[in-house]
Protein backbone atom coordinates (compact mmCIF):
# COMPACT_ATOMS: atom_id res chain seq x y z
CA UNK A 1 46.74 -117.95 48.66
CA UNK A 2 43.21 -117.65 49.92
CA UNK A 3 40.94 -120.38 48.51
CA UNK A 4 38.20 -117.81 47.87
CA UNK A 5 40.56 -115.66 45.80
CA UNK A 6 41.65 -118.72 43.81
CA UNK A 7 38.05 -119.76 43.23
CA UNK A 8 36.92 -116.33 42.01
CA UNK A 9 40.15 -115.52 40.12
CA UNK A 10 39.41 -113.31 37.09
CA UNK A 11 35.83 -112.67 38.22
CA UNK A 12 37.14 -110.41 41.01
CA UNK A 13 39.08 -108.34 38.47
CA UNK A 14 36.01 -107.96 36.28
CA UNK A 15 33.85 -106.98 39.27
CA UNK A 16 36.46 -104.46 40.43
CA UNK A 17 36.65 -102.98 36.92
CA UNK A 18 32.87 -102.65 36.73
CA UNK A 19 32.74 -100.93 40.12
CA UNK A 20 35.46 -98.44 39.17
CA UNK A 21 33.79 -97.69 35.83
CA UNK A 22 30.39 -97.27 37.47
CA UNK A 23 31.80 -94.92 40.11
CA UNK A 24 33.56 -92.85 37.43
CA UNK A 25 30.44 -92.50 35.30
CA UNK A 26 28.14 -91.53 38.16
CA UNK A 27 30.40 -88.60 39.02
CA UNK A 28 30.44 -87.20 35.48
CA UNK A 29 28.55 -83.99 34.95
CA UNK A 30 29.07 -82.04 31.76
CA UNK A 31 31.86 -79.45 31.54
CA UNK A 32 31.92 -76.10 29.73
CA UNK A 33 32.85 -76.07 26.05
CA UNK A 34 34.76 -73.11 24.63
CA UNK A 35 32.29 -71.25 22.37
CA UNK A 36 35.13 -70.25 20.01
CA UNK A 37 36.08 -73.92 19.51
CA UNK A 38 32.62 -75.51 19.63
CA UNK A 39 30.99 -76.58 16.39
CA UNK A 40 28.18 -74.40 15.09
CA UNK A 41 24.69 -75.84 15.27
CA UNK A 42 23.83 -76.80 11.66
CA UNK A 43 21.24 -74.55 9.98
CA UNK A 44 18.78 -77.46 9.81
CA UNK A 45 18.54 -77.44 13.63
CA UNK A 46 18.35 -73.65 14.03
CA UNK A 47 14.69 -72.68 14.15
CA UNK A 48 14.52 -68.94 14.92
CA UNK A 49 16.20 -65.67 15.88
CA UNK A 50 18.62 -65.53 12.96
CA UNK A 51 17.43 -62.44 11.07
CA UNK A 52 18.06 -58.81 12.02
CA UNK A 53 15.08 -57.28 13.79
CA UNK A 54 13.65 -53.79 13.80
CA UNK A 55 14.16 -51.90 17.01
CA UNK A 56 16.58 -52.49 19.87
CA UNK A 57 18.32 -55.86 19.63
CA UNK A 58 20.96 -57.93 21.40
CA UNK A 59 23.00 -61.05 20.75
CA UNK A 60 22.67 -64.22 22.78
CA UNK A 61 25.27 -66.97 22.34
CA UNK A 62 24.46 -70.42 23.73
CA UNK A 63 26.97 -73.26 23.95
CA UNK A 64 26.06 -76.73 25.12
CA UNK A 65 28.58 -78.36 27.45
CA UNK A 66 30.74 -81.30 26.47
CA UNK A 67 30.51 -84.64 28.27
CA UNK A 68 28.88 -88.02 28.16
CA UNK A 69 25.62 -87.13 29.93
CA UNK A 70 22.83 -86.64 27.42
CA UNK A 71 25.26 -87.08 24.54
CA UNK A 72 22.96 -89.39 22.59
CA UNK A 73 20.25 -86.75 22.16
CA UNK A 74 19.74 -83.19 21.03
CA UNK A 75 18.33 -80.77 23.60
CA UNK A 76 15.79 -78.07 22.86
CA UNK A 77 16.48 -74.39 23.51
CA UNK A 78 13.59 -71.91 23.54
CA UNK A 79 13.60 -68.12 23.73
CA UNK A 80 10.30 -66.54 24.83
CA UNK A 81 8.44 -69.81 24.15
CA UNK A 82 9.77 -70.07 20.58
CA UNK A 83 12.00 -73.01 19.64
CA UNK A 84 15.35 -71.43 18.79
CA UNK A 85 17.48 -74.54 18.23
CA UNK A 86 17.97 -78.25 18.79
CA UNK A 87 21.52 -78.44 20.06
CA UNK A 88 24.04 -81.29 20.35
CA UNK A 89 27.03 -81.77 22.63
CA UNK A 90 29.72 -79.05 22.35
CA UNK A 91 27.76 -77.04 19.79
CA UNK A 92 27.17 -73.30 19.85
CA UNK A 93 24.58 -71.01 18.30
CA UNK A 94 24.19 -67.25 18.04
CA UNK A 95 20.75 -65.66 18.24
CA UNK A 96 19.61 -62.11 17.42
CA UNK A 97 17.03 -61.26 20.06
CA UNK A 98 14.97 -58.22 21.05
CA UNK A 99 16.55 -56.17 23.82
CA UNK A 100 14.76 -56.46 27.15
CA UNK A 101 13.65 -59.33 29.35
CA UNK A 102 13.88 -62.81 27.87
CA UNK A 103 12.69 -66.20 29.09
CA UNK A 104 15.22 -68.94 28.25
CA UNK A 105 14.13 -72.56 28.45
CA UNK A 106 16.15 -75.76 27.94
CA UNK A 107 15.30 -79.43 28.11
CA UNK A 108 14.66 -82.56 26.11
CA UNK A 109 14.45 -82.41 22.34
CA UNK A 110 10.86 -81.52 21.38
CA UNK A 111 11.32 -83.68 18.25
CA UNK A 112 13.09 -86.51 20.11
CA UNK A 113 12.10 -90.11 19.47
CA UNK A 114 12.74 -93.33 21.37
CA UNK A 115 14.85 -92.72 24.47
CA UNK A 116 15.35 -89.10 23.38
CA UNK A 117 11.61 -88.55 23.78
CA UNK A 118 11.71 -89.31 27.50
CA UNK A 119 11.37 -86.28 29.74
CA UNK A 120 10.75 -83.75 27.00
CA UNK A 121 8.06 -82.18 29.18
CA UNK A 122 10.71 -81.40 31.83
CA UNK A 123 12.33 -77.98 31.33
CA UNK A 124 14.57 -75.54 33.13
CA UNK A 125 13.73 -71.86 32.71
CA UNK A 126 15.81 -68.76 33.40
CA UNK A 127 15.10 -65.08 32.91
CA UNK A 128 17.66 -62.59 31.67
CA UNK A 129 17.70 -58.98 30.59
CA UNK A 130 19.72 -57.80 27.60
CA UNK A 131 20.32 -54.17 26.78
CA UNK A 132 20.40 -52.83 23.22
CA UNK A 133 23.62 -53.95 21.51
CA UNK A 134 24.67 -56.21 24.40
CA UNK A 135 26.19 -59.67 23.83
CA UNK A 136 25.65 -62.33 26.51
CA UNK A 137 27.04 -65.84 26.63
CA UNK A 138 25.19 -68.77 28.18
CA UNK A 139 25.95 -72.45 28.66
CA UNK A 140 23.58 -75.39 28.67
CA UNK A 141 24.71 -78.00 31.19
CA UNK A 142 23.43 -81.36 32.37
CA UNK A 143 24.09 -82.56 35.92
CA UNK A 144 24.57 -86.13 37.18
CA UNK A 145 20.80 -86.44 37.71
CA UNK A 146 20.10 -85.56 34.07
CA UNK A 147 18.76 -82.10 34.96
CA UNK A 148 19.34 -79.42 32.34
CA UNK A 149 20.42 -75.93 33.34
CA UNK A 150 21.15 -72.62 31.64
CA UNK A 151 23.83 -70.45 33.19
CA UNK A 152 25.66 -67.25 32.30
CA UNK A 153 29.05 -68.07 30.83
CA UNK A 154 32.30 -66.43 29.91
CA UNK A 155 33.18 -65.94 26.23
CA UNK A 156 35.98 -68.47 26.65
CA UNK A 157 35.53 -71.46 28.97
CA UNK A 158 38.25 -72.16 31.55
């Protein structure tokens, strides 16, 4: 045997394990959660858009992805600059919204503390248009750089 291998012995195995684990974690972005199987956001973290409204209205369903990235913190979801919910991993919420153009915004928890307070001024915004009576599904995802995104989604994730 090689003297270097004998000298390092178990340390090489530990180093190899750490490298494999590190490589696996850095490639992990979140993945879509099935809205029909995701847990509902508890009422205590739903802030708005729950009551029927007068005039043309639509339904917006948001589901946060599942995965390890950002899993220690809630993320904020705003509709037209109004906090709609603070949402956890693999949770879903349904919102009754006015028909027409909407500005959707997602990012760090506005009530976050400690590490969850970092980056709460960094948001991703998307515009969408909903017609009267329309139902649209969206997903909140987090990429490997910690960037939040809002994307159109299918009613049932693949």
